[in-house]
């Protein structure tokens, strides 16, 4: 084995784990959303719709690469 071939083999073997990790799928990200206590609040629904549209414009699509988890504030503390 020539010296250059040996050096190439060492370089490839040391960078292989980094390359393999970079090629894996990124997975689905989770996003928690805290909402007010009113379930039929038209303002809250409009805000959530605008938020999801802005996320979609940035490439975050619910069900594809984003999972949104909504929580309601039953005590009215999130105002």
PDB file of N, CA and C in Angstrom:
ATOM      1  N   UNK A   1       0.849  -1.176   0.000  1.00  0.00           N
ATOM      2  CA  UNK A   1       0.000   0.000   0.000  1.00  0.00           C
ATOM      3  C   UNK A   1       0.898   1.243   0.000  1.00  0.00           C
ATOM      4  N   UNK A   2       0.562   2.143  -0.864  1.00  0.00           N
ATOM      5  CA  UNK A   2       1.349   3.376  -0.924  1.00  0.00           C
ATOM      6  C   UNK A   2       0.936   4.334   0.189  1.00  0.00           C
ATOM      7  N   UNK A   3       1.795   5.277   0.460  1.00  0.00           N
ATOM      8  CA  UNK A   3       1.554   6.217   1.540  1.00  0.00           C
ATOM      9  C   UNK A   3       0.290   7.037   1.303  1.00  0.00           C
ATOM     10  N   UNK A   4       0.063   7.524   0.083  1.00  0.00           N
ATOM     11  CA  UNK A   4      -1.125   8.341  -0.210  1.00  0.00           C
ATOM     12  C   UNK A   4      -2.414   7.540  -0.015  1.00  0.00           C
ATOM     13  N   UNK A   5      -2.405   6.295  -0.436  1.00  0.00           N
ATOM     14  CA  UNK A   5      -3.590   5.448  -0.246  1.00  0.00           C
ATOM     15  C   UNK A   5      -3.867   5.239   1.236  1.00  0.00           C
ATOM     16  N   UNK A   6      -2.809   5.071   2.001  1.00  0.00           N
ATOM     17  CA  UNK A   6      -2.967   4.888   3.437  1.00  0.00           C
ATOM     18  C   UNK A   6      -3.551   6.148   4.084  1.00  0.00           C
ATOM     19  N   UNK A   7      -3.033   7.313   3.693  1.00  0.00           N
ATOM     20  CA  UNK A   7      -3.535   8.577   4.246  1.00  0.00           C
ATOM     21  C   UNK A   7      -4.994   8.791   3.850  1.00  0.00           C
ATOM     22  N   UNK A   8      -5.363   8.471   2.617  1.00  0.00           N
ATOM     23  CA  UNK A   8      -6.772   8.586   2.189  1.00  0.00           C
ATOM     24  C   UNK A   8      -7.665   7.677   3.015  1.00  0.00           C
ATOM     25  N   UNK A   9      -7.207   6.459   3.243  1.00  0.00           N
ATOM     26  CA  UNK A   9      -8.004   5.503   4.022  1.00  0.00           C
ATOM     27  C   UNK A   9      -8.229   6.007   5.441  1.00  0.00           C
ATOM     28  N   UNK A  10      -7.198   6.574   6.042  1.00  0.00           N
ATOM     29  CA  UNK A  10      -7.328   7.112   7.400  1.00  0.00           C
ATOM     30  C   UNK A  10      -8.283   8.304   7.408  1.00  0.00           C
ATOM     31  N   UNK A  11      -8.148   9.195   6.428  1.00  0.00           N
ATOM     32  CA  UNK A  11      -9.020  10.372   6.364  1.00  0.00           C
ATOM     33  C   UNK A  11     -10.470   9.975   6.177  1.00  0.00           C
ATOM     34  N   UNK A  12     -10.734   9.018   5.313  1.00  0.00           N
ATOM     35  CA  UNK A  12     -12.116   8.572   5.071  1.00  0.00           C
ATOM     36  C   UNK A  12     -12.683   7.891   6.318  1.00  0.00           C
ATOM     37  N   UNK A  13     -11.883   7.076   6.969  1.00  0.00           N
ATOM     38  CA  UNK A  13     -12.394   6.355   8.139  1.00  0.00           C
ATOM     39  C   UNK A  13     -12.690   7.289   9.308  1.00  0.00           C
ATOM     40  N   UNK A  14     -11.968   8.398   9.415  1.00  0.00           N
ATOM     41  CA  UNK A  14     -12.236   9.315  10.516  1.00  0.00           C
ATOM     42  C   UNK A  14     -13.421  10.224  10.240  1.00  0.00           C
ATOM     43  N   UNK A  15     -13.725  10.505   8.969  1.00  0.00           N
ATOM     44  CA  UNK A  15     -14.867  11.368   8.647  1.00  0.00           C
ATOM     45  C   UNK A  15     -16.134  10.580   8.376  1.00  0.00           C
ATOM     46  N   UNK A  16     -16.083   9.286   8.276  1.00  0.00           N
ATOM     47  CA  UNK A  16     -17.260   8.477   7.954  1.00  0.00           C
ATOM     48  C   UNK A  16     -18.387   8.649   8.972  1.00  0.00           C
ATOM     49  N   UNK A  17     -18.148   8.609  10.289  1.00  0.00           N
ATOM     50  CA  UNK A  17     -19.273   8.785  11.230  1.00  0.00           C
ATOM     51  C   UNK A  17     -19.947  10.142  11.087  1.00  0.00           C
ATOM     52  N   UNK A  18     -19.196  11.188  10.819  1.00  0.00           N
ATOM     53  CA  UNK A  18     -19.777  12.521  10.660  1.00  0.00           C
ATOM     54  C   UNK A  18     -20.650  12.565   9.421  1.00  0.00           C
ATOM     55  N   UNK A  19     -20.176  11.996   8.324  1.00  0.00           N
ATOM     56  CA  UNK A  19     -20.931  11.968   7.077  1.00  0.00           C
ATOM     57  C   UNK A  19     -22.197  11.130   7.233  1.00  0.00           C
ATOM     58  N   UNK A  20     -22.097   9.993   7.869  1.00  0.00           N
ATOM     59  CA  UNK A  20     -23.260   9.127   8.044  1.00  0.00           C
ATOM     60  C   UNK A  20     -24.317   9.809   8.896  1.00  0.00           C
ATOM     61  N   UNK A  21     -23.925  10.515   9.926  1.00  0.00           N
ATOM     62  CA  UNK A  21     -24.866  11.214  10.778  1.00  0.00           C
ATOM     63  C   UNK A  21     -25.562  12.351  10.039  1.00  0.00           C
ATOM     64  N   UNK A  22     -24.841  13.040   9.184  1.00  0.00           N
ATOM     65  CA  UNK A  22     -25.411  14.171   8.461  1.00  0.00           C
ATOM     66  C   UNK A  22     -26.438  13.737   7.431  1.00  0.00           C
ATOM     67  N   UNK A  23     -26.397  12.514   6.975  1.00  0.00           N
ATOM     68  CA  UNK A  23     -27.314  12.064   5.945  1.00  0.00           C
ATOM     69  C   UNK A  23     -28.589  11.448   6.502  1.00  0.00           C
ATOM     70  N   UNK A  24     -28.701  11.291   7.786  1.00  0.00           N
ATOM     71  CA  UNK A  24     -29.903  10.718   8.370  1.00  0.00           C
ATOM     72  C   UNK A  24     -31.044  11.719   8.329  1.00  0.00           C
ATOM     73  N   UNK A  25     -32.263  11.203   8.303  1.00  0.00           N
ATOM     74  CA  UNK A  25     -33.446  12.071   8.319  1.00  0.00           C
ATOM     75  C   UNK A  25     -33.500  12.829   9.646  1.00  0.00           C
ATOM     76  N   UNK A  26     -33.940  14.062   9.577  1.00  0.00           N
ATOM     77  CA  UNK A  26     -33.926  14.908  10.771  1.00  0.00           C
ATOM     78  C   UNK A  26     -35.035  14.556  11.754  1.00  0.00           C
ATOM     79  N   UNK A  27     -36.108  13.948  11.312  1.00  0.00           N
ATOM     80  CA  UNK A  27     -37.188  13.596  12.207  1.00  0.00           C
ATOM     81  C   UNK A  27     -38.178  14.730  12.383  1.00  0.00           C
ATOM     82  N   UNK A  28     -39.225  14.438  13.093  1.00  0.00           N
ATOM     83  CA  UNK A  28     -40.297  15.404  13.305  1.00  0.00           C
ATOM     84  C   UNK A  28     -40.020  16.190  14.576  1.00  0.00           C
ATOM     85  N   UNK A  29     -40.112  17.500  14.489  1.00  0.00           N
ATOM     86  CA  UNK A  29     -39.927  18.367  15.651  1.00  0.00           C
ATOM     87  C   UNK A  29     -41.273  18.585  16.334  1.00  0.00           C
ATOM     88  N   UNK A  30     -41.240  18.743  17.660  1.00  0.00           N
ATOM     89  CA  UNK A  30     -42.461  18.970  18.427  1.00  0.00           C
ATOM     90  C   UNK A  30     -42.519  20.417  18.877  1.00  0.00           C
ATOM     91  N   UNK A  31     -43.723  20.976  18.817  1.00  0.00           N
ATOM     92  CA  UNK A  31     -43.946  22.363  19.216  1.00  0.00           C
ATOM     93  C   UNK A  31     -45.164  22.404  20.125  1.00  0.00           C
ATOM     94  N   UNK A  32     -44.987  22.935  21.327  1.00  0.00           N
ATOM     95  CA  UNK A  32     -46.095  23.069  22.264  1.00  0.00           C
ATOM     96  C   UNK A  32     -46.734  24.444  22.140  1.00  0.00           C
ATOM     97  N   UNK A  33     -48.066  24.468  22.125  1.00  0.00           N
ATOM     98  CA  UNK A  33     -48.816  25.721  22.005  1.00  0.00           C
ATOM     99  C   UNK A  33     -49.778  25.813  23.177  1.00  0.00           C
ATOM    100  N   UNK A  34     -49.670  26.885  23.959  1.00  0.00           N
ATOM    101  CA  UNK A  34     -50.569  27.117  25.087  1.00  0.00           C
ATOM    102  C   UNK A  34     -51.657  28.072  24.639  1.00  0.00           C
ATOM    103  N   UNK A  35     -52.913  27.637  24.786  1.00  0.00           N
ATOM    104  CA  UNK A  35     -54.050  28.433  24.327  1.00  0.00           C
ATOM    105  C   UNK A  35     -54.912  28.825  25.516  1.00  0.00           C
ATOM    106  N   UNK A  36     -55.753  29.807  25.295  1.00  0.00           N
ATOM    107  CA  UNK A  36     -56.676  30.261  26.327  1.00  0.00           C
ATOM    108  C   UNK A  36     -57.763  29.231  26.608  1.00  0.00           C
ATOM    109  N   UNK A  37     -58.585  29.502  27.635  1.00  0.00           N
ATOM    110  CA  UNK A  37     -59.588  28.523  28.042  1.00  0.00           C
ATOM    111  C   UNK A  37     -60.775  28.405  27.087  1.00  0.00           C
ATOM    112  N   UNK A  38     -61.039  29.410  26.285  1.00  0.00           N
ATOM    113  CA  UNK A  38     -62.202  29.383  25.392  1.00  0.00           C
ATOM    114  C   UNK A  38     -61.920  28.537  24.158  1.00  0.00           C
ATOM    115  N   UNK A  39     -62.720  27.503  23.963  1.00  0.00           N
ATOM    116  CA  UNK A  39     -62.509  26.597  22.833  1.00  0.00           C
ATOM    117  C   UNK A  39     -62.984  27.199  21.519  1.00  0.00           C
ATOM    118  N   UNK A  40     -64.022  27.990  21.555  1.00  0.00           N
ATOM    119  CA  UNK A  40     -64.602  28.564  20.334  1.00  0.00           C
ATOM    120  C   UNK A  40     -64.241  30.042  20.167  1.00  0.00           C
ATOM    121  N   UNK A  41     -63.123  30.467  20.695  1.00  0.00           N
ATOM    122  CA  UNK A  41     -62.679  31.856  20.617  1.00  0.00           C
ATOM    123  C   UNK A  41     -62.228  32.169  19.188  1.00  0.00           C
ATOM    124  N   UNK A  42     -62.950  33.039  18.451  1.00  0.00           N
ATOM    125  CA  UNK A  42     -62.567  33.317  17.061  1.00  0.00           C
ATOM    126  C   UNK A  42     -61.213  34.011  16.946  1.00  0.00           C
ATOM    127  N   UNK A  43     -60.862  34.855  17.907  1.00  0.00           N
ATOM    128  CA  UNK A  43     -59.562  35.532  17.862  1.00  0.00           C
ATOM    129  C   UNK A  43     -58.422  34.537  18.057  1.00  0.00           C
ATOM    130  N   UNK A  44     -58.602  33.618  18.991  1.00  0.00           N
ATOM    131  CA  UNK A  44     -57.584  32.591  19.223  1.00  0.00           C
ATOM    132  C   UNK A  44     -57.405  31.678  18.027  1.00  0.00           C
ATOM    133  N   UNK A  45     -58.520  31.314  17.390  1.00  0.00           N
ATOM    134  CA  UNK A  45     -58.435  30.471  16.186  1.00  0.00           C
ATOM    135  C   UNK A  45     -57.736  31.209  15.051  1.00  0.00           C
ATOM    136  N   UNK A  46     -58.005  32.510  14.905  1.00  0.00           N
ATOM    137  CA  UNK A  46     -57.353  33.296  13.859  1.00  0.00           C
ATOM    138  C   UNK A  46     -55.852  33.416  14.121  1.00  0.00           C
ATOM    139  N   UNK A  47     -55.479  33.602  15.382  1.00  0.00           N
ATOM    140  CA  UNK A  47     -54.064  33.697  15.729  1.00  0.00           C
ATOM    141  C   UNK A  47     -53.339  32.375  15.466  1.00  0.00           C
ATOM    142  N   UNK A  48     -53.967  31.262  15.825  1.00  0.00           N
ATOM    143  CA  UNK A  48     -53.365  29.957  15.600  1.00  0.00           C
ATOM    144  C   UNK A  48     -53.242  29.670  14.103  1.00  0.00           C
ATOM    145  N   UNK A  49     -54.248  30.043  13.346  1.00  0.00           N
ATOM    146  CA  UNK A  49     -54.199  29.853  11.901  1.00  0.00           C
ATOM    147  C   UNK A  49     -53.079  30.688  11.270  1.00  0.00           C
ATOM    148  N   UNK A  50     -52.940  31.919  11.689  1.00  0.00           N
ATOM    149  CA  UNK A  50     -51.859  32.765  11.196  1.00  0.00           C
ATOM    150  C   UNK A  50     -50.492  32.231  11.571  1.00  0.00           C
ATOM    151  N   UNK A  51     -50.399  31.687  12.779  1.00  0.00           N
ATOM    152  CA  UNK A  51     -49.138  31.113  13.249  1.00  0.00           C
ATOM    153  C   UNK A  51     -48.747  29.898  12.411  1.00  0.00           C
ATOM    154  N   UNK A  52     -49.708  29.012  12.155  1.00  0.00           N
ATOM    155  CA  UNK A  52     -49.408  27.817  11.351  1.00  0.00           C
ATOM    156  C   UNK A  52     -49.097  28.191   9.906  1.00  0.00           C
ATOM    157  N   UNK A  53     -49.740  29.230   9.383  1.00  0.00           N
ATOM    158  CA  UNK A  53     -49.423  29.676   8.023  1.00  0.00           C
ATOM    159  C   UNK A  53     -48.017  30.263   7.952  1.00  0.00           C
ATOM    160  N   UNK A  54     -47.616  31.010   8.981  1.00  0.00           N
ATOM    161  CA  UNK A  54     -46.263  31.566   9.006  1.00  0.00           C
ATOM    162  C   UNK A  54     -45.219  30.451   9.112  1.00  0.00           C
ATOM    163  N   UNK A  55     -45.524  29.425   9.920  1.00  0.00           N
ATOM    164  CA  UNK A  55     -44.610  28.293  10.015  1.00  0.00           C
ATOM    165  C   UNK A  55     -44.501  27.574   8.671  1.00  0.00           C
ATOM    166  N   UNK A  56     -45.636  27.412   7.980  1.00  0.00           N
ATOM    167  CA  UNK A  56     -45.634  26.751   6.672  1.00  0.00           C
ATOM    168  C   UNK A  56     -44.811  27.544   5.663  1.00  0.00           C
ATOM    169  N   UNK A  57     -44.870  28.864   5.745  1.00  0.00           N
ATOM    170  CA  UNK A  57     -44.077  29.697   4.841  1.00  0.00           C
ATOM    171  C   UNK A  57     -42.582  29.515   5.086  1.00  0.00           C
ATOM    172  N   UNK A  58     -42.220  29.129   6.311  1.00  0.00           N
ATOM    173  CA  UNK A  58     -40.819  28.887   6.651  1.00  0.00           C
ATOM    174  C   UNK A  58     -40.406  27.437   6.410  1.00  0.00           C
ATOM    175  N   UNK A  59     -41.350  26.611   5.930  1.00  0.00           N
ATOM    176  CA  UNK A  59     -41.024  25.225   5.619  1.00  0.00           C
ATOM    177  C   UNK A  59     -41.408  24.215   6.675  1.00  0.00           C
ATOM    178  N   UNK A  60     -42.079  24.644   7.737  1.00  0.00           N
ATOM    179  CA  UNK A  60     -42.506  23.736   8.801  1.00  0.00           C
ATOM    180  C   UNK A  60     -43.961  23.362   8.572  1.00  0.00           C
ATOM    181  N   UNK A  61     -44.205  22.146   8.111  1.00  0.00           N
ATOM    182  CA  UNK A  61     -45.541  21.669   7.776  1.00  0.00           C
ATOM    183  C   UNK A  61     -45.982  20.648   8.820  1.00  0.00           C
ATOM    184  N   UNK A  62     -47.130  20.908   9.419  1.00  0.00           N
ATOM    185  CA  UNK A  62     -47.644  19.985  10.437  1.00  0.00           C
ATOM    186  C   UNK A  62     -47.976  18.649   9.795  1.00  0.00           C
ATOM    187  N   UNK A  63     -47.501  17.589  10.408  1.00  0.00           N
ATOM    188  CA  UNK A  63     -47.700  16.248   9.878  1.00  0.00           C
ATOM    189  C   UNK A  63     -46.538  15.777   9.017  1.00  0.00           C
ATOM    190  N   UNK A  64     -45.751  16.695   8.486  1.00  0.00           N
ATOM    191  CA  UNK A  64     -44.594  16.310   7.668  1.00  0.00           C
ATOM    192  C   UNK A  64     -43.301  16.400   8.489  1.00  0.00           C
ATOM    193  N   UNK A  65     -42.981  17.573   8.992  1.00  0.00           N
ATOM    194  CA  UNK A  65     -41.762  17.736   9.772  1.00  0.00           C
ATOM    195  C   UNK A  65     -42.020  18.463  11.101  1.00  0.00           C
ATOM    196  N   UNK A  66     -43.292  18.626  11.444  1.00  0.00           N
ATOM    197  CA  UNK A  66     -43.667  19.339  12.665  1.00  0.00           C
ATOM    198  C   UNK A  66     -44.890  18.684  13.285  1.00  0.00           C
ATOM    199  N   UNK A  67     -44.867  18.574  14.601  1.00  0.00           N
ATOM    200  CA  UNK A  67     -46.026  18.075  15.341  1.00  0.00           C
ATOM    201  C   UNK A  67     -46.369  19.114  16.397  1.00  0.00           C
ATOM    202  N   UNK A  68     -47.557  19.710  16.268  1.00  0.00           N
ATOM    203  CA  UNK A  68     -47.984  20.721  17.233  1.00  0.00           C
ATOM    204  C   UNK A  68     -48.833  20.061  18.314  1.00  0.00           C
ATOM    205  N   UNK A  69     -48.521  20.384  19.556  1.00  0.00           N
ATOM    206  CA  UNK A  69     -49.256  19.840  20.691  1.00  0.00           C
ATOM    207  C   UNK A  69     -49.899  21.007  21.418  1.00  0.00           C
ATOM    208  N   UNK A  70     -51.208  21.090  21.375  1.00  0.00           N
ATOM    209  CA  UNK A  70     -51.928  22.184  22.013  1.00  0.00           C
ATOM    210  C   UNK A  70     -52.323  21.851  23.430  1.00  0.00           C
ATOM    211  N   UNK A  71     -52.238  22.824  24.271  1.00  0.00           N
ATOM    212  CA  UNK A  71     -52.682  22.704  25.663  1.00  0.00           C
ATOM    213  C   UNK A  71     -53.573  23.894  25.961  1.00  0.00           C
ATOM    214  N   UNK A  72     -54.634  23.642  26.714  1.00  0.00           N
ATOM    215  CA  UNK A  72     -55.544  24.716  27.111  1.00  0.00           C
ATOM    216  C   UNK A  72     -55.221  25.158  28.515  1.00  0.00           C
ATOM    217  N   UNK A  73     -55.411  26.436  28.751  1.00  0.00           N
ATOM    218  CA  UNK A  73     -55.236  26.994  30.078  1.00  0.00           C
ATOM    219  C   UNK A  73     -56.621  27.020  30.724  1.00  0.00           C
ATOM    220  N   UNK A  74     -56.879  26.091  31.609  1.00  0.00           N
ATOM    221  CA  UNK A  74     -58.203  25.980  32.234  1.00  0.00           C
ATOM    222  C   UNK A  74     -58.431  27.002  33.335  1.00  0.00           C
ATOM    223  N   UNK A  75     -57.367  27.602  33.828  1.00  0.00           N
ATOM    224  CA  UNK A  75     -57.504  28.534  34.941  1.00  0.00           C
ATOM    225  C   UNK A  75     -57.431  30.004  34.517  1.00  0.00           C
ATOM    226  N   UNK A  76     -57.174  30.263  33.249  1.00  0.00           N
ATOM    227  CA  UNK A  76     -57.116  31.630  32.775  1.00  0.00           C
ATOM    228  C   UNK A  76     -55.803  32.331  33.061  1.00  0.00           C
ATOM    229  N   UNK A  77     -54.736  31.590  33.346  1.00  0.00           N
ATOM    230  CA  UNK A  77     -53.457  32.202  33.684  1.00  0.00           C
ATOM    231  C   UNK A  77     -52.681  32.684  32.472  1.00  0.00           C
ATOM    232  N   UNK A  78     -52.975  32.150  31.281  1.00  0.00           N
ATOM    233  CA  UNK A  78     -52.223  32.513  30.068  1.00  0.00           C
ATOM    234  C   UNK A  78     -52.970  33.635  29.335  1.00  0.00           C
ATOM    235  N   UNK A  79     -52.769  34.850  29.792  1.00  0.00           N
ATOM    236  CA  UNK A  79     -53.423  35.980  29.124  1.00  0.00           C
ATOM    237  C   UNK A  79     -52.389  36.974  28.692  1.00  0.00           C
TER     238      UNK A  79
END
